[in-house]
Amino acid sequence: MTTPVSDSVMTVKEVADYLRVNQRTVYRLAVERRLPGFKVGATWRFKRNDIDAWIAAQSSGVGPSEATGAPGEVKKT
């Protein structure tokens, strides 16, 4: 079974290429919890959907949970 591209998991290098930034920038943002990601062992991984929501949130000025409508999150008014 093939995983849809939107649900794919990306590496630091793939995210850096996608965002057109340095890999160190991706790592720094992930460590600071400013970029949504998770660790598998010692390496960072990122869901493409989360990165796309983060991009939308950066563009619109809302938090990532507000952009994705995450369950249990209360929107600020």
PDB file of N, CA and C in Angstrom:
ATOM      1  N   MET A   1       0.856  -1.173   0.000  1.00  0.00           N
ATOM      2  CA  MET A   1       0.000   0.000   0.000  1.00  0.00           C
ATOM      3  C   MET A   1       0.903   1.237   0.000  1.00  0.00           C
ATOM      4  N   THR A   2       0.548   2.220  -0.787  1.00  0.00           N
ATOM      5  CA  THR A   2       1.319   3.452  -0.894  1.00  0.00           C
ATOM      6  C   THR A   2       0.749   4.509   0.035  1.00  0.00           C
ATOM      7  N   THR A   3       1.642   5.220   0.732  1.00  0.00           N
ATOM      8  CA  THR A   3       1.227   6.307   1.624  1.00  0.00           C
ATOM      9  C   THR A   3       1.030   7.573   0.801  1.00  0.00           C
ATOM     10  N   PRO A   4      -0.094   8.278   0.978  1.00  0.00           N
ATOM     11  CA  PRO A   4      -0.290   9.534   0.256  1.00  0.00           C
ATOM     12  C   PRO A   4       0.826  10.521   0.596  1.00  0.00           C
ATOM     13  N   VAL A   5       1.202  11.340  -0.362  1.00  0.00           N
ATOM     14  CA  VAL A   5       2.280  12.308  -0.173  1.00  0.00           C
ATOM     15  C   VAL A   5       1.981  13.234   0.998  1.00  0.00           C
ATOM     16  N   SER A   6       0.729  13.626   1.179  1.00  0.00           N
ATOM     17  CA  SER A   6       0.385  14.569   2.243  1.00  0.00           C
ATOM     18  C   SER A   6       0.618  13.982   3.632  1.00  0.00           C
ATOM     19  N   ASP A   7       0.639  12.647   3.755  1.00  0.00           N
ATOM     20  CA  ASP A   7       0.855  12.004   5.040  1.00  0.00           C
ATOM     21  C   ASP A   7       2.298  11.546   5.213  1.00  0.00           C
ATOM     22  N   SER A   8       3.168  11.901   4.278  1.00  0.00           N
ATOM     23  CA  SER A   8       4.529  11.400   4.331  1.00  0.00           C
ATOM     24  C   SER A   8       5.319  12.018   5.475  1.00  0.00           C
ATOM     25  N   VAL A   9       6.305  11.274   5.931  1.00  0.00           N
ATOM     26  CA  VAL A   9       7.199  11.729   6.980  1.00  0.00           C
ATOM     27  C   VAL A   9       8.493  12.165   6.315  1.00  0.00           C
ATOM     28  N   MET A  10       8.971  13.339   6.711  1.00  0.00           N
ATOM     29  CA  MET A  10      10.144  13.937   6.077  1.00  0.00           C
ATOM     30  C   MET A  10      11.310  13.991   7.052  1.00  0.00           C
ATOM     31  N   THR A  11      12.527  13.951   6.510  1.00  0.00           N
ATOM     32  CA  THR A  11      13.744  14.099   7.299  1.00  0.00           C
ATOM     33  C   THR A  11      14.106  15.576   7.402  1.00  0.00           C
ATOM     34  N   VAL A  12      15.127  15.879   8.198  1.00  0.00           N
ATOM     35  CA  VAL A  12      15.611  17.253   8.317  1.00  0.00           C
ATOM     36  C   VAL A  12      16.034  17.772   6.941  1.00  0.00           C
ATOM     37  N   LYS A  13      16.751  16.954   6.185  1.00  0.00           N
ATOM     38  CA  LYS A  13      17.210  17.372   4.856  1.00  0.00           C
ATOM     39  C   LYS A  13      16.034  17.653   3.925  1.00  0.00           C
ATOM     40  N   GLU A  14      15.033  16.787   3.947  1.00  0.00           N
ATOM     41  CA  GLU A  14      13.866  16.985   3.086  1.00  0.00           C
ATOM     42  C   GLU A  14      13.101  18.253   3.456  1.00  0.00           C
ATOM     43  N   VAL A  15      12.955  18.522   4.752  1.00  0.00           N
ATOM     44  CA  VAL A  15      12.272  19.741   5.193  1.00  0.00           C
ATOM     45  C   VAL A  15      13.087  20.971   4.792  1.00  0.00           C
ATOM     46  N   ALA A  16      14.402  20.880   4.963  1.00  0.00           N
ATOM     47  CA  ALA A  16      15.272  22.004   4.580  1.00  0.00           C
ATOM     48  C   ALA A  16      15.140  22.289   3.085  1.00  0.00           C
ATOM     49  N   ASP A  17      15.144  21.257   2.270  1.00  0.00           N
ATOM     50  CA  ASP A  17      14.972  21.438   0.826  1.00  0.00           C
ATOM     51  C   ASP A  17      13.589  22.016   0.515  1.00  0.00           C
ATOM     52  N   TYR A  18      12.570  21.507   1.194  1.00  0.00           N
ATOM     53  CA  TYR A  18      11.193  21.952   0.980  1.00  0.00           C
ATOM     54  C   TYR A  18      11.026  23.431   1.338  1.00  0.00           C
ATOM     55  N   LEU A  19      11.636  23.842   2.451  1.00  0.00           N
ATOM     56  CA  LEU A  19      11.520  25.237   2.907  1.00  0.00           C
ATOM     57  C   LEU A  19      12.594  26.142   2.313  1.00  0.00           C
ATOM     58  N   ARG A  20      13.553  25.528   1.632  1.00  0.00           N
ATOM     59  CA  ARG A  20      14.686  26.251   1.041  1.00  0.00           C
ATOM     60  C   ARG A  20      15.477  27.003   2.099  1.00  0.00           C
ATOM     61  N   VAL A  21      15.788  26.281   3.175  1.00  0.00           N
ATOM     62  CA  VAL A  21      16.626  26.814   4.245  1.00  0.00           C
ATOM     63  C   VAL A  21      17.726  25.802   4.549  1.00  0.00           C
ATOM     64  N   ASN A  22      18.667  26.198   5.387  1.00  0.00           N
ATOM     65  CA  ASN A  22      19.753  25.326   5.788  1.00  0.00           C
ATOM     66  C   ASN A  22      19.233  24.255   6.756  1.00  0.00           C
ATOM     67  N   GLN A  23      19.856  23.087   6.737  1.00  0.00           N
ATOM     68  CA  GLN A  23      19.460  22.012   7.648  1.00  0.00           C
ATOM     69  C   GLN A  23      19.603  22.437   9.110  1.00  0.00           C
ATOM     70  N   ARG A  24      20.597  23.254   9.398  1.00  0.00           N
ATOM     71  CA  ARG A  24      20.786  23.737  10.769  1.00  0.00           C
ATOM     72  C   ARG A  24      19.596  24.566  11.234  1.00  0.00           C
ATOM     73  N   THR A  25      19.005  25.314  10.321  1.00  0.00           N
ATOM     74  CA  THR A  25      17.826  26.123  10.658  1.00  0.00           C
ATOM     75  C   THR A  25      16.670  25.221  11.049  1.00  0.00           C
ATOM     76  N   VAL A  26      16.452  24.158  10.290  1.00  0.00           N
ATOM     77  CA  VAL A  26      15.372  23.204  10.591  1.00  0.00           C
ATOM     78  C   VAL A  26      15.617  22.564  11.955  1.00  0.00           C
ATOM     79  N   TYR A  27      16.838  22.116  12.183  1.00  0.00           N
ATOM     80  CA  TYR A  27      17.177  21.484  13.458  1.00  0.00           C
ATOM     81  C   TYR A  27      16.960  22.455  14.617  1.00  0.00           C
ATOM     82  N   ARG A  28      17.425  23.691  14.474  1.00  0.00           N
ATOM     83  CA  ARG A  28      17.294  24.695  15.536  1.00  0.00           C
ATOM     84  C   ARG A  28      15.818  24.975  15.835  1.00  0.00           C
ATOM     85  N   LEU A  29      15.007  25.165  14.798  1.00  0.00           N
ATOM     86  CA  LEU A  29      13.581  25.432  14.991  1.00  0.00           C
ATOM     87  C   LEU A  29      12.880  24.242  15.651  1.00  0.00           C
ATOM     88  N   ALA A  30      13.285  23.026  15.294  1.00  0.00           N
ATOM     89  CA  ALA A  30      12.686  21.833  15.895  1.00  0.00           C
ATOM     90  C   ALA A  30      13.047  21.727  17.377  1.00  0.00           C
ATOM     91  N   VAL A  31      14.309  21.956  17.703  1.00  0.00           N
ATOM     92  CA  VAL A  31      14.761  21.898  19.095  1.00  0.00           C
ATOM     93  C   VAL A  31      14.051  22.948  19.932  1.00  0.00           C
ATOM     94  N   GLU A  32      13.839  24.124  19.354  1.00  0.00           N
ATOM     95  CA  GLU A  32      13.146  25.218  20.057  1.00  0.00           C
ATOM     96  C   GLU A  32      11.634  25.030  20.069  1.00  0.00           C
ATOM     97  N   ARG A  33      11.157  23.956  19.463  1.00  0.00           N
ATOM     98  CA  ARG A  33       9.714  23.655  19.361  1.00  0.00           C
ATOM     99  C   ARG A  33       8.953  24.724  18.573  1.00  0.00           C
ATOM    100  N   ARG A  34       9.635  25.397  17.674  1.00  0.00           N
ATOM    101  CA  ARG A  34       8.993  26.396  16.827  1.00  0.00           C
ATOM    102  C   ARG A  34       8.563  25.779  15.504  1.00  0.00           C
ATOM    103  N   LEU A  35       9.031  24.557  15.212  1.00  0.00           N
ATOM    104  CA  LEU A  35       8.682  23.814  14.009  1.00  0.00           C
ATOM    105  C   LEU A  35       8.139  22.464  14.473  1.00  0.00           C
ATOM    106  N   PRO A  36       6.953  22.066  13.999  1.00  0.00           N
ATOM    107  CA  PRO A  36       6.369  20.806  14.486  1.00  0.00           C
ATOM    108  C   PRO A  36       7.150  19.596  13.983  1.00  0.00           C
ATOM    109  N   GLY A  37       7.596  18.780  14.904  1.00  0.00           N
ATOM    110  CA  GLY A  37       8.327  17.579  14.547  1.00  0.00           C
ATOM    111  C   GLY A  37       8.400  16.637  15.729  1.00  0.00           C
ATOM    112  N   PHE A  38       8.990  15.481  15.500  1.00  0.00           N
ATOM    113  CA  PHE A  38       9.139  14.499  16.566  1.00  0.00           C
ATOM    114  C   PHE A  38      10.434  13.739  16.336  1.00  0.00           C
ATOM    115  N   LYS A  39      10.950  13.165  17.404  1.00  0.00           N
ATOM    116  CA  LYS A  39      12.202  12.428  17.319  1.00  0.00           C
ATOM    117  C   LYS A  39      11.927  10.932  17.241  1.00  0.00           C
ATOM    118  N   VAL A  40      12.687  10.270  16.378  1.00  0.00           N
ATOM    119  CA  VAL A  40      12.712   8.819  16.309  1.00  0.00           C
ATOM    120  C   VAL A  40      14.142   8.448  16.664  1.00  0.00           C
ATOM    121  N   GLY A  41      14.326   7.974  17.866  1.00  0.00           N
ATOM    122  CA  GLY A  41      15.686   7.761  18.354  1.00  0.00           C
ATOM    123  C   GLY A  41      16.367   9.111  18.496  1.00  0.00           C
ATOM    124  N   ALA A  42      17.466   9.289  17.775  1.00  0.00           N
ATOM    125  CA  ALA A  42      18.212  10.545  17.846  1.00  0.00           C
ATOM    126  C   ALA A  42      17.941  11.463  16.664  1.00  0.00           C
ATOM    127  N   THR A  43      17.065  11.047  15.756  1.00  0.00           N
ATOM    128  CA  THR A  43      16.830  11.838  14.544  1.00  0.00           C
ATOM    129  C   THR A  43      15.441  12.464  14.543  1.00  0.00           C
ATOM    130  N   TRP A  44      15.366  13.643  13.943  1.00  0.00           N
ATOM    131  CA  TRP A  44      14.104  14.370  13.839  1.00  0.00           C
ATOM    132  C   TRP A  44      13.339  13.910  12.607  1.00  0.00           C
ATOM    133  N   ARG A  45      12.006  13.864  12.724  1.00  0.00           N
ATOM    134  CA  ARG A  45      11.110  13.567  11.607  1.00  0.00           C
ATOM    135  C   ARG A  45       9.966  14.573  11.652  1.00  0.00           C
ATOM    136  N   PHE A  46       9.395  14.827  10.477  1.00  0.00           N
ATOM    137  CA  PHE A  46       8.356  15.845  10.337  1.00  0.00           C
ATOM    138  C   PHE A  46       7.272  15.331   9.404  1.00  0.00           C
ATOM    139  N   LYS A  47       6.001  15.530   9.782  1.00  0.00           N
ATOM    140  CA  LYS A  47       4.889  15.170   8.900  1.00  0.00           C
ATOM    141  C   LYS A  47       4.663  16.323   7.931  1.00  0.00           C
ATOM    142  N   ARG A  48       4.516  15.991   6.655  1.00  0.00           N
ATOM    143  CA  ARG A  48       4.324  17.026   5.632  1.00  0.00           C
ATOM    144  C   ARG A  48       3.099  17.881   5.943  1.00  0.00           C
ATOM    145  N   ASN A  49       2.013  17.257   6.402  1.00  0.00           N
ATOM    146  CA  ASN A  49       0.802  18.027   6.739  1.00  0.00           C
ATOM    147  C   ASN A  49       1.087  19.062   7.823  1.00  0.00           C
ATOM    148  N   ASP A  50       1.887  18.671   8.828  1.00  0.00           N
ATOM    149  CA  ASP A  50       2.231  19.598   9.907  1.00  0.00           C
ATOM    150  C   ASP A  50       3.089  20.753   9.395  1.00  0.00           C
ATOM    151  N   ILE A  51       4.016  20.443   8.491  1.00  0.00           N
ATOM    152  CA  ILE A  51       4.874  21.494   7.926  1.00  0.00           C
ATOM    153  C   ILE A  51       4.034  22.449   7.082  1.00  0.00           C
ATOM    154  N   ASP A  52       3.114  21.908   6.284  1.00  0.00           N
ATOM    155  CA  ASP A  52       2.244  22.766   5.477  1.00  0.00           C
ATOM    156  C   ASP A  52       1.372  23.657   6.356  1.00  0.00           C
ATOM    157  N   ALA A  53       0.856  23.111   7.471  1.00  0.00           N
ATOM    158  CA  ALA A  53       0.049  23.912   8.404  1.00  0.00           C
ATOM    159  C   ALA A  53       0.909  24.985   9.066  1.00  0.00           C
ATOM    160  N   TRP A  54       2.155  24.638   9.375  1.00  0.00           N
ATOM    161  CA  TRP A  54       3.080  25.604   9.972  1.00  0.00           C
ATOM    162  C   TRP A  54       3.352  26.748   9.001  1.00  0.00           C
ATOM    163  N   ILE A  55       3.535  26.417   7.732  1.00  0.00           N
ATOM    164  CA  ILE A  55       3.750  27.447   6.709  1.00  0.00           C
ATOM    165  C   ILE A  55       2.535  28.368   6.635  1.00  0.00           C
ATOM    166  N   ALA A  56       1.342  27.785   6.612  1.00  0.00           N
ATOM    167  CA  ALA A  56       0.108  28.581   6.558  1.00  0.00           C
ATOM    168  C   ALA A  56      -0.008  29.482   7.780  1.00  0.00           C
ATOM    169  N   ALA A  57       0.349  28.942   8.948  1.00  0.00           N
ATOM    170  CA  ALA A  57       0.272  29.731  10.178  1.00  0.00           C
ATOM    171  C   ALA A  57       1.271  30.887  10.161  1.00  0.00           C
ATOM    172  N   GLN A  58       2.459  30.648   9.615  1.00  0.00           N
ATOM    173  CA  GLN A  58       3.457  31.707   9.523  1.00  0.00           C
ATOM    174  C   GLN A  58       2.974  32.813   8.597  1.00  0.00           C
ATOM    175  N   SER A  59       2.274  32.436   7.543  1.00  0.00           N
ATOM    176  CA  SER A  59       1.783  33.408   6.563  1.00  0.00           C
ATOM    177  C   SER A  59       0.600  34.210   7.088  1.00  0.00           C
ATOM    178  N   SER A  60      -0.262  33.556   7.887  1.00  0.00           N
ATOM    179  CA  SER A  60      -1.480  34.222   8.344  1.00  0.00           C
ATOM    180  C   SER A  60      -1.358  34.818   9.738  1.00  0.00           C
ATOM    181  N   GLY A  61      -0.321  34.456  10.485  1.00  0.00           N
ATOM    182  CA  GLY A  61      -0.127  35.008  11.815  1.00  0.00           C
ATOM    183  C   GLY A  61      -0.896  34.292  12.902  1.00  0.00           C
ATOM    184  N   VAL A  62      -1.443  33.088  12.622  1.00  0.00           N
ATOM    185  CA  VAL A  62      -2.115  32.296  13.653  1.00  0.00           C
ATOM    186  C   VAL A  62      -1.221  31.132  14.035  1.00  0.00           C
ATOM    187  N   GLY A  63      -1.470  30.559  15.214  1.00  0.00           N
ATOM    188  CA  GLY A  63      -0.681  29.416  15.670  1.00  0.00           C
ATOM    189  C   GLY A  63      -0.985  28.177  14.855  1.00  0.00           C
ATOM    190  N   PRO A  64      -0.080  27.190  14.815  1.00  0.00           N
ATOM    191  CA  PRO A  64      -0.275  25.996  14.011  1.00  0.00           C
ATOM    192  C   PRO A  64      -1.504  25.194  14.408  1.00  0.00           C
ATOM    193  N   SER A  65      -1.840  25.117  15.705  1.00  0.00           N
ATOM    194  CA  SER A  65      -3.021  24.366  16.110  1.00  0.00           C
ATOM    195  C   SER A  65      -4.295  25.055  15.630  1.00  0.00           C
ATOM    196  N   GLU A  66      -4.259  26.373  15.534  1.00  0.00           N
ATOM    197  CA  GLU A  66      -5.422  27.104  15.027  1.00  0.00           C
ATOM    198  C   GLU A  66      -5.562  26.896  13.522  1.00  0.00           C
ATOM    199  N   ALA A  67      -4.440  26.820  12.821  1.00  0.00           N
ATOM    200  CA  ALA A  67      -4.476  26.638  11.379  1.00  0.00           C
ATOM    201  C   ALA A  67      -4.978  25.255  11.012  1.00  0.00           C
ATOM    202  N   THR A  68      -4.652  24.238  11.837  1.00  0.00           N
ATOM    203  CA  THR A  68      -5.050  22.867  11.527  1.00  0.00           C
ATOM    204  C   THR A  68      -6.365  22.493  12.173  1.00  0.00           C
ATOM    205  N   GLY A  69      -6.835  23.307  13.133  1.00  0.00           N
ATOM    206  CA  GLY A  69      -8.061  22.972  13.844  1.00  0.00           C
ATOM    207  C   GLY A  69      -7.887  21.720  14.669  1.00  0.00           C
ATOM    208  N   ALA A  70      -6.757  21.593  15.343  1.00  0.00           N
ATOM    209  CA  ALA A  70      -6.446  20.401  16.123  1.00  0.00           C
ATOM    210  C   ALA A  70      -7.525  20.176  17.174  1.00  0.00           C
ATOM    211  N   PRO A  71      -7.924  18.908  17.359  1.00  0.00           N
ATOM    212  CA  PRO A  71      -8.944  18.611  18.362  1.00  0.00           C
ATOM    213  C   PRO A  71      -8.479  19.028  19.751  1.00  0.00           C
ATOM    214  N   GLY A  72      -9.395  19.555  20.528  1.00  0.00           N
ATOM    215  CA  GLY A  72      -9.080  19.952  21.883  1.00  0.00           C
ATOM    216  C   GLY A  72      -8.446  21.324  21.992  1.00  0.00           C
ATOM    217  N   GLU A  73      -8.156  21.944  20.904  1.00  0.00           N
ATOM    218  CA  GLU A  73      -7.549  23.273  20.921  1.00  0.00           C
ATOM    219  C   GLU A  73      -8.646  24.326  20.849  1.00  0.00           C
ATOM    220  N   VAL A  74      -8.532  25.333  21.672  1.00  0.00           N
ATOM    221  CA  VAL A  74      -9.500  26.415  21.698  1.00  0.00           C
ATOM    222  C   VAL A  74      -8.943  27.565  20.874  1.00  0.00           C
ATOM    223  N   LYS A  75      -9.732  28.041  19.923  1.00  0.00           N
ATOM    224  CA  LYS A  75      -9.294  29.172  19.115  1.00  0.00           C
ATOM    225  C   LYS A  75      -9.407  30.451  19.929  1.00  0.00           C
ATOM    226  N   LYS A  76      -8.385  31.291  19.793  1.00  0.00           N
ATOM    227  CA  LYS A  76      -8.403  32.586  20.477  1.00  0.00           C
ATOM    228  C   LYS A  76      -9.230  33.570  19.684  1.00  0.00           C
ATOM    229  N   THR A  77     -10.042  34.362  20.408  1.00  0.00           N
ATOM    230  CA  THR A  77     -10.881  35.358  19.714  1.00  0.00           C
ATOM    231  C   THR A  77     -10.502  36.751  20.099  1.00  0.00           C
TER     232      THR A  77
END
